[in-house]
């Protein structure tokens, strides 16, 4: 039996093949907004349908995937229980502030952490009254060298940390202005037509480098006004984590 392929194209060690395939199935489902058939999942994993089905049944037994009335496969609610334990203190401190920020500005507010060299959305809050909010799903990833959240996290990494996560790429020159102003701004970098404003969270012991950010259709709000509100929220979150 051939080794499972990891997302970077490398073969997984034989002893972790089943686990790697199960994780890959979860990753595939997380990238989709609609249910997938077993045949579609098997094709994307590059395995026989019977193998995909066995993995599916195991994940289903643990509530990590589920099937809808038509038999389509979606992520299961068991993942939500697992997610609550990820950076629990950070999420607990951030959620009320993100909620207040989203409703104050009418934008989507979210918490981003540095994970395996990428910016990963940990939790997200959409405004209560808005028909034009930009969706930012938990689990969304983008490169550290893109977008306001990436700039904000770059601003709090020391030289050794930066070398560890990005040995072949220099920091963006905008990092200097982020450190001076306290917030980062990006336009059309991760999503076309979208502006993002982000503020780094003060490093806390045992937690990954993190930032909070908002996204909204460009020209909707002046970044300076948004930056002030996000900075206030970030300060309150950091105070709770001390």
C-alpha atoms as a PDB file:
ATOM      1  CA  UNK A   1       0.000   0.000   0.000  1.00  0.00           C
ATOM      2  CA  UNK A   2       1.453   3.384  -0.947  1.00  0.00           C
ATOM      3  CA  UNK A   3       2.226   5.983   1.707  1.00  0.00           C
ATOM      4  CA  UNK A   4      -0.282   8.806   2.138  1.00  0.00           C
ATOM      5  CA  UNK A   5       0.708  12.112   0.615  1.00  0.00           C
ATOM      6  CA  UNK A   6       0.923  15.160   2.866  1.00  0.00           C
ATOM      7  CA  UNK A   7      -0.250  18.599   1.598  1.00  0.00           C
ATOM      8  CA  UNK A   8       3.361  19.568   0.786  1.00  0.00           C
ATOM      9  CA  UNK A   9       3.718  16.496  -1.434  1.00  0.00           C
ATOM     10  CA  UNK A  10       5.962  14.529   0.923  1.00  0.00           C
ATOM     11  CA  UNK A  11       5.103  10.967   1.877  1.00  0.00           C
ATOM     12  CA  UNK A  12       3.914  10.376   5.421  1.00  0.00           C
ATOM     13  CA  UNK A  13       5.801   7.772   7.469  1.00  0.00           C
ATOM     14  CA  UNK A  14       4.117   4.360   7.276  1.00  0.00           C
ATOM     15  CA  UNK A  15       3.271   4.256  10.979  1.00  0.00           C
ATOM     16  CA  UNK A  16       1.236   7.492  10.670  1.00  0.00           C
ATOM     17  CA  UNK A  17      -0.441   6.762   7.337  1.00  0.00           C
ATOM     18  CA  UNK A  18      -3.982   6.204   8.639  1.00  0.00           C
ATOM     19  CA  UNK A  19      -3.825   9.179  10.972  1.00  0.00           C
ATOM     20  CA  UNK A  20      -2.427  11.354   8.198  1.00  0.00           C
ATOM     21  CA  UNK A  21      -5.237  10.316   5.872  1.00  0.00           C
ATOM     22  CA  UNK A  22      -7.860  11.045   8.512  1.00  0.00           C
ATOM     23  CA  UNK A  23      -6.441  14.517   9.098  1.00  0.00           C
ATOM     24  CA  UNK A  24      -6.281  15.103   5.353  1.00  0.00           C
ATOM     25  CA  UNK A  25      -9.970  14.206   5.062  1.00  0.00           C
ATOM     26  CA  UNK A  26     -10.812  16.793   7.713  1.00  0.00           C
ATOM     27  CA  UNK A  27      -8.714  19.389   5.888  1.00  0.00           C
ATOM     28  CA  UNK A  28     -10.500  18.692   2.611  1.00  0.00           C
ATOM     29  CA  UNK A  29     -13.908  19.063   4.239  1.00  0.00           C
ATOM     30  CA  UNK A  30     -12.862  22.281   5.980  1.00  0.00           C
ATOM     31  CA  UNK A  31     -12.007  23.849   2.622  1.00  0.00           C
ATOM     32  CA  UNK A  32     -15.518  23.293   1.237  1.00  0.00           C
ATOM     33  CA  UNK A  33     -18.739  25.186   1.878  1.00  0.00           C
ATOM     34  CA  UNK A  34     -20.907  22.348   0.514  1.00  0.00           C
ATOM     35  CA  UNK A  35     -21.080  18.642   1.439  1.00  0.00           C
ATOM     36  CA  UNK A  36     -18.880  16.223  -0.514  1.00  0.00           C
ATOM     37  CA  UNK A  37     -19.625  12.682  -1.626  1.00  0.00           C
ATOM     38  CA  UNK A  38     -17.340   9.830  -0.589  1.00  0.00           C
ATOM     39  CA  UNK A  39     -16.250   9.513  -4.218  1.00  0.00           C
ATOM     40  CA  UNK A  40     -15.249  13.191  -4.308  1.00  0.00           C
ATOM     41  CA  UNK A  41     -13.320  12.879  -1.054  1.00  0.00           C
ATOM     42  CA  UNK A  42     -11.522   9.736  -2.233  1.00  0.00           C
ATOM     43  CA  UNK A  43     -10.521  11.454  -5.479  1.00  0.00           C
ATOM     44  CA  UNK A  44      -9.102  14.462  -3.652  1.00  0.00           C
ATOM     45  CA  UNK A  45      -7.222  12.223  -1.232  1.00  0.00           C
ATOM     46  CA  UNK A  46      -5.907  10.050  -4.047  1.00  0.00           C
ATOM     47  CA  UNK A  47      -7.108   6.815  -2.422  1.00  0.00           C
ATOM     48  CA  UNK A  48      -9.596   4.066  -3.270  1.00  0.00           C
ATOM     49  CA  UNK A  49     -13.165   4.740  -2.249  1.00  0.00           C
ATOM     50  CA  UNK A  50     -13.131   1.803   0.206  1.00  0.00           C
ATOM     51  CA  UNK A  51     -10.190   3.346   2.079  1.00  0.00           C
ATOM     52  CA  UNK A  52     -11.906   6.719   2.251  1.00  0.00           C
ATOM     53  CA  UNK A  53     -15.058   5.011   3.524  1.00  0.00           C
ATOM     54  CA  UNK A  54     -13.214   3.244   6.370  1.00  0.00           C
ATOM     55  CA  UNK A  55     -11.600   6.512   7.461  1.00  0.00           C
ATOM     56  CA  UNK A  56     -14.957   8.261   7.217  1.00  0.00           C
ATOM     57  CA  UNK A  57     -16.623   5.696   9.466  1.00  0.00           C
ATOM     58  CA  UNK A  58     -13.937   6.115  12.132  1.00  0.00           C
ATOM     59  CA  UNK A  59     -14.217   9.908  12.081  1.00  0.00           C
ATOM     60  CA  UNK A  60     -18.003   9.583  12.101  1.00  0.00           C
ATOM     61  CA  UNK A  61     -17.859   7.376  15.212  1.00  0.00           C
ATOM     62  CA  UNK A  62     -16.043  10.200  17.020  1.00  0.00           C
ATOM     63  CA  UNK A  63     -18.419  12.910  15.805  1.00  0.00           C
ATOM     64  CA  UNK A  64     -15.732  14.608  13.710  1.00  0.00           C
ATOM     65  CA  UNK A  65     -17.657  14.202  10.449  1.00  0.00           C
ATOM     66  CA  UNK A  66     -21.344  13.714   9.699  1.00  0.00           C
ATOM     67  CA  UNK A  67     -23.573  12.996   6.720  1.00  0.00           C
ATOM     68  CA  UNK A  68     -26.558  15.030   5.659  1.00  0.00           C
ATOM     69  CA  UNK A  69     -29.908  13.663   4.496  1.00  0.00           C
ATOM     70  CA  UNK A  70     -28.559  13.184   0.966  1.00  0.00           C
ATOM     71  CA  UNK A  71     -25.463  11.327   2.174  1.00  0.00           C
ATOM     72  CA  UNK A  72     -23.075  14.260   1.675  1.00  0.00           C
ATOM     73  CA  UNK A  73     -20.188  14.455   4.125  1.00  0.00           C
ATOM     74  CA  UNK A  74     -19.615  17.538   6.281  1.00  0.00           C
ATOM     75  CA  UNK A  75     -17.544  18.356   9.337  1.00  0.00           C
ATOM     76  CA  UNK A  76     -19.130  17.135  12.564  1.00  0.00           C
ATOM     77  CA  UNK A  77     -20.018  19.022  15.722  1.00  0.00           C
ATOM     78  CA  UNK A  78     -17.392  17.072  17.639  1.00  0.00           C
ATOM     79  CA  UNK A  79     -14.793  19.372  16.132  1.00  0.00           C
ATOM     80  CA  UNK A  80     -16.378  22.330  17.914  1.00  0.00           C
ATOM     81  CA  UNK A  81     -15.777  20.652  21.268  1.00  0.00           C
ATOM     82  CA  UNK A  82     -12.139  20.064  20.361  1.00  0.00           C
ATOM     83  CA  UNK A  83     -11.737  23.642  19.105  1.00  0.00           C
ATOM     84  CA  UNK A  84     -12.907  25.074  22.421  1.00  0.00           C
ATOM     85  CA  UNK A  85      -9.772  23.668  24.031  1.00  0.00           C
ATOM     86  CA  UNK A  86      -7.391  25.330  21.560  1.00  0.00           C
ATOM     87  CA  UNK A  87      -5.808  28.401  23.195  1.00  0.00           C
ATOM     88  CA  UNK A  88      -8.754  28.364  25.609  1.00  0.00           C
ATOM     89  CA  UNK A  89      -7.628  31.378  27.657  1.00  0.00           C
ATOM     90  CA  UNK A  90      -6.939  33.397  24.528  1.00  0.00           C
ATOM     91  CA  UNK A  91     -10.325  32.613  22.985  1.00  0.00           C
ATOM     92  CA  UNK A  92     -12.127  33.307  26.274  1.00  0.00           C
ATOM     93  CA  UNK A  93     -10.473  36.712  26.596  1.00  0.00           C
ATOM     94  CA  UNK A  94     -10.929  37.627  22.942  1.00  0.00           C
ATOM     95  CA  UNK A  95     -14.524  36.609  22.222  1.00  0.00           C
ATOM     96  CA  UNK A  96     -16.361  39.391  24.137  1.00  0.00           C
ATOM     97  CA  UNK A  97     -14.050  42.024  22.678  1.00  0.00           C
ATOM     98  CA  UNK A  98     -14.431  40.661  19.152  1.00  0.00           C
ATOM     99  CA  UNK A  99     -18.207  40.696  19.546  1.00  0.00           C
ATOM    100  CA  UNK A 100     -18.207  44.298  20.763  1.00  0.00           C
ATOM    101  CA  UNK A 101     -15.794  45.319  18.004  1.00  0.00           C
ATOM    102  CA  UNK A 102     -17.844  43.657  15.256  1.00  0.00           C
ATOM    103  CA  UNK A 103     -21.034  45.380  16.383  1.00  0.00           C
ATOM    104  CA  UNK A 104     -19.368  48.758  16.944  1.00  0.00           C
ATOM    105  CA  UNK A 105     -17.788  48.903  13.492  1.00  0.00           C
ATOM    106  CA  UNK A 106     -20.238  46.767  11.518  1.00  0.00           C
ATOM    107  CA  UNK A 107     -17.347  44.574  10.377  1.00  0.00           C
ATOM    108  CA  UNK A 108     -16.304  40.972  10.862  1.00  0.00           C
ATOM    109  CA  UNK A 109     -13.790  40.729  13.720  1.00  0.00           C
ATOM    110  CA  UNK A 110     -11.511  37.757  14.200  1.00  0.00           C
ATOM    111  CA  UNK A 111      -8.629  36.306  16.170  1.00  0.00           C
ATOM    112  CA  UNK A 112      -5.557  35.075  14.306  1.00  0.00           C
ATOM    113  CA  UNK A 113      -2.652  32.979  15.589  1.00  0.00           C
ATOM    114  CA  UNK A 114       0.653  31.995  14.031  1.00  0.00           C
ATOM    115  CA  UNK A 115       0.493  28.301  13.168  1.00  0.00           C
ATOM    116  CA  UNK A 116       3.125  26.416  11.148  1.00  0.00           C
ATOM    117  CA  UNK A 117       4.266  29.631   9.540  1.00  0.00           C
ATOM    118  CA  UNK A 118       0.777  30.734   8.472  1.00  0.00           C
ATOM    119  CA  UNK A 119      -1.835  33.089   9.872  1.00  0.00           C
ATOM    120  CA  UNK A 120      -4.755  30.929  11.018  1.00  0.00           C
ATOM    121  CA  UNK A 121      -8.154  32.252  12.072  1.00  0.00           C
ATOM    122  CA  UNK A 122      -9.045  30.802  15.456  1.00  0.00           C
ATOM    123  CA  UNK A 123     -12.418  32.428  16.010  1.00  0.00           C
ATOM    124  CA  UNK A 124     -14.542  34.968  14.156  1.00  0.00           C
ATOM    125  CA  UNK A 125     -17.557  37.170  14.908  1.00  0.00           C
ATOM    126  CA  UNK A 126     -19.813  38.796  12.327  1.00  0.00           C
ATOM    127  CA  UNK A 127     -21.722  41.997  13.149  1.00  0.00           C
ATOM    128  CA  UNK A 128     -25.261  41.627  14.403  1.00  0.00           C
ATOM    129  CA  UNK A 129     -26.784  44.084  11.948  1.00  0.00           C
ATOM    130  CA  UNK A 130     -25.023  44.079   8.597  1.00  0.00           C
ATOM    131  CA  UNK A 131     -25.879  42.710   5.185  1.00  0.00           C
ATOM    132  CA  UNK A 132     -22.410  43.207   3.724  1.00  0.00           C
ATOM    133  CA  UNK A 133     -20.129  41.529   6.249  1.00  0.00           C
ATOM    134  CA  UNK A 134     -17.101  39.691   4.892  1.00  0.00           C
ATOM    135  CA  UNK A 135     -17.092  36.040   5.967  1.00  0.00           C
ATOM    136  CA  UNK A 136     -13.943  34.906   7.774  1.00  0.00           C
ATOM    137  CA  UNK A 137     -14.300  31.273   8.773  1.00  0.00           C
ATOM    138  CA  UNK A 138     -12.353  29.725  11.660  1.00  0.00           C
ATOM    139  CA  UNK A 139      -9.566  27.589  10.240  1.00  0.00           C
ATOM    140  CA  UNK A 140      -8.927  29.963   7.334  1.00  0.00           C
ATOM    141  CA  UNK A 141      -5.197  30.183   6.614  1.00  0.00           C
ATOM    142  CA  UNK A 142      -3.026  32.562   4.646  1.00  0.00           C
ATOM    143  CA  UNK A 143       0.677  33.251   4.351  1.00  0.00           C
ATOM    144  CA  UNK A 144       2.364  35.249   7.098  1.00  0.00           C
ATOM    145  CA  UNK A 145       3.681  37.691   4.498  1.00  0.00           C
ATOM    146  CA  UNK A 146       0.168  38.642   3.346  1.00  0.00           C
ATOM    147  CA  UNK A 147      -2.520  40.840   4.842  1.00  0.00           C
ATOM    148  CA  UNK A 148      -2.816  43.002   7.929  1.00  0.00           C
ATOM    149  CA  UNK A 149      -2.857  40.051  10.384  1.00  0.00           C
ATOM    150  CA  UNK A 150       0.429  38.817   8.922  1.00  0.00           C
ATOM    151  CA  UNK A 151       1.997  42.269   9.248  1.00  0.00           C
ATOM    152  CA  UNK A 152       0.753  42.576  12.830  1.00  0.00           C
ATOM    153  CA  UNK A 153       2.234  39.221  13.837  1.00  0.00           C
ATOM    154  CA  UNK A 154       5.495  39.986  12.047  1.00  0.00           C
ATOM    155  CA  UNK A 155       5.762  43.111  14.191  1.00  0.00           C
ATOM    156  CA  UNK A 156       5.922  41.131  17.454  1.00  0.00           C
ATOM    157  CA  UNK A 157       8.293  38.368  16.355  1.00  0.00           C
ATOM    158  CA  UNK A 158      11.905  38.780  17.439  1.00  0.00           C
ATOM    159  CA  UNK A 159      14.711  37.998  15.010  1.00  0.00           C
ATOM    160  CA  UNK A 160      15.104  34.382  16.170  1.00  0.00           C
ATOM    161  CA  UNK A 161      11.374  33.726  15.854  1.00  0.00           C
ATOM    162  CA  UNK A 162      11.264  35.284  12.408  1.00  0.00           C
ATOM    163  CA  UNK A 163      14.214  33.208  11.224  1.00  0.00           C
ATOM    164  CA  UNK A 164      12.501  30.064  12.506  1.00  0.00           C
ATOM    165  CA  UNK A 165       9.208  30.673  10.676  1.00  0.00           C
ATOM    166  CA  UNK A 166      10.502  32.410   7.541  1.00  0.00           C
ATOM    167  CA  UNK A 167      14.212  31.708   6.982  1.00  0.00           C
ATOM    168  CA  UNK A 168      14.161  32.540   3.270  1.00  0.00           C
ATOM    169  CA  UNK A 169      12.043  35.675   3.259  1.00  0.00           C
ATOM    170  CA  UNK A 170      12.668  39.134   4.785  1.00  0.00           C
ATOM    171  CA  UNK A 171      10.055  40.923   6.815  1.00  0.00           C
ATOM    172  CA  UNK A 172       7.923  43.344   4.887  1.00  0.00           C
ATOM    173  CA  UNK A 173       9.077  46.968   5.145  1.00  0.00           C
ATOM    174  CA  UNK A 174       5.636  48.012   6.450  1.00  0.00           C
ATOM    175  CA  UNK A 175       6.441  46.296   9.762  1.00  0.00           C
ATOM    176  CA  UNK A 176       8.328  49.400  10.911  1.00  0.00           C
ATOM    177  CA  UNK A 177       5.222  51.568  10.547  1.00  0.00           C
ATOM    178  CA  UNK A 178       3.095  48.906  12.270  1.00  0.00           C
ATOM    179  CA  UNK A 179       5.382  49.079  15.299  1.00  0.00           C
ATOM    180  CA  UNK A 180       5.125  52.861  15.281  1.00  0.00           C
ATOM    181  CA  UNK A 181       1.362  53.214  14.807  1.00  0.00           C
ATOM    182  CA  UNK A 182       0.329  50.042  16.632  1.00  0.00           C
ATOM    183  CA  UNK A 183      -1.840  48.699  13.821  1.00  0.00           C
ATOM    184  CA  UNK A 184      -1.466  47.214  10.332  1.00  0.00           C
ATOM    185  CA  UNK A 185      -3.555  47.899   7.241  1.00  0.00           C
ATOM    186  CA  UNK A 186      -3.844  45.941   4.013  1.00  0.00           C
ATOM    187  CA  UNK A 187      -5.970  46.434   0.918  1.00  0.00           C
ATOM    188  CA  UNK A 188      -6.947  43.688  -1.559  1.00  0.00           C
ATOM    189  CA  UNK A 189      -4.150  41.352  -0.418  1.00  0.00           C
ATOM    190  CA  UNK A 190      -5.931  38.235   0.771  1.00  0.00           C
ATOM    191  CA  UNK A 191      -9.340  38.979  -0.780  1.00  0.00           C
ATOM    192  CA  UNK A 192     -10.010  41.412  -3.641  1.00  0.00           C
ATOM    193  CA  UNK A 193     -12.013  44.477  -2.676  1.00  0.00           C
ATOM    194  CA  UNK A 194     -11.420  43.941   1.030  1.00  0.00           C
ATOM    195  CA  UNK A 195      -9.552  46.031   3.598  1.00  0.00           C
ATOM    196  CA  UNK A 196      -8.171  44.520   6.779  1.00  0.00           C
ATOM    197  CA  UNK A 197      -6.912  46.259   9.920  1.00  0.00           C
ATOM    198  CA  UNK A 198      -5.050  44.243  12.545  1.00  0.00           C
ATOM    199  CA  UNK A 199      -3.359  44.817  15.886  1.00  0.00           C
ATOM    200  CA  UNK A 200      -0.880  42.424  17.524  1.00  0.00           C
ATOM    201  CA  UNK A 201      -1.650  41.084  20.976  1.00  0.00           C
ATOM    202  CA  UNK A 202       1.045  41.505  23.590  1.00  0.00           C
ATOM    203  CA  UNK A 203       2.927  38.190  23.871  1.00  0.00           C
ATOM    204  CA  UNK A 204       1.663  36.029  26.739  1.00  0.00           C
ATOM    205  CA  UNK A 205       3.481  33.077  28.236  1.00  0.00           C
ATOM    206  CA  UNK A 206       2.562  29.766  26.639  1.00  0.00           C
ATOM    207  CA  UNK A 207       0.508  31.297  23.812  1.00  0.00           C
ATOM    208  CA  UNK A 208       1.270  31.513  20.118  1.00  0.00           C
ATOM    209  CA  UNK A 209       1.930  34.957  18.604  1.00  0.00           C
ATOM    210  CA  UNK A 210      -1.506  36.381  17.842  1.00  0.00           C
ATOM    211  CA  UNK A 211      -3.414  39.385  16.555  1.00  0.00           C
ATOM    212  CA  UNK A 212      -6.986  40.557  16.287  1.00  0.00           C
ATOM    213  CA  UNK A 213      -8.289  41.987  13.050  1.00  0.00           C
ATOM    214  CA  UNK A 214     -11.339  43.223  11.201  1.00  0.00           C
ATOM    215  CA  UNK A 215     -12.230  42.905   7.509  1.00  0.00           C
ATOM    216  CA  UNK A 216     -14.679  44.974   5.528  1.00  0.00           C
ATOM    217  CA  UNK A 217     -15.362  46.133   1.964  1.00  0.00           C
ATOM    218  CA  UNK A 218     -12.742  48.700   0.995  1.00  0.00           C
ATOM    219  CA  UNK A 219     -13.738  52.394   1.309  1.00  0.00           C
ATOM    220  CA  UNK A 220     -16.411  51.527   3.883  1.00  0.00           C
ATOM    221  CA  UNK A 221     -14.435  52.940   6.833  1.00  0.00           C
ATOM    222  CA  UNK A 222     -11.239  54.974   7.261  1.00  0.00           C
ATOM    223  CA  UNK A 223      -8.431  52.684   8.499  1.00  0.00           C
ATOM    224  CA  UNK A 224      -7.260  55.205  11.118  1.00  0.00           C
ATOM    225  CA  UNK A 225     -10.648  55.185  12.837  1.00  0.00           C
ATOM    226  CA  UNK A 226     -10.816  51.397  12.695  1.00  0.00           C
ATOM    227  CA  UNK A 227      -7.236  51.064  13.942  1.00  0.00           C
ATOM    228  CA  UNK A 228      -8.019  53.063  17.071  1.00  0.00           C
ATOM    229  CA  UNK A 229     -10.954  50.816  17.973  1.00  0.00           C
ATOM    230  CA  UNK A 230      -9.027  47.602  17.280  1.00  0.00           C
ATOM    231  CA  UNK A 231      -6.091  48.841  19.381  1.00  0.00           C
ATOM    232  CA  UNK A 232      -8.401  49.472  22.326  1.00  0.00           C
ATOM    233  CA  UNK A 233      -9.852  45.972  22.039  1.00  0.00           C
ATOM    234  CA  UNK A 234      -6.394  44.406  21.739  1.00  0.00           C
ATOM    235  CA  UNK A 235      -5.211  46.250  24.834  1.00  0.00           C
ATOM    236  CA  UNK A 236      -8.124  44.952  26.886  1.00  0.00           C
ATOM    237  CA  UNK A 237      -7.528  41.382  25.708  1.00  0.00           C
ATOM    238  CA  UNK A 238      -3.814  41.591  26.511  1.00  0.00           C
ATOM    239  CA  UNK A 239      -4.567  42.906  29.995  1.00  0.00           C
ATOM    240  CA  UNK A 240      -6.748  39.878  30.701  1.00  0.00           C
ATOM    241  CA  UNK A 241      -3.945  37.506  29.643  1.00  0.00           C
ATOM    242  CA  UNK A 242      -1.313  38.936  31.972  1.00  0.00           C
END
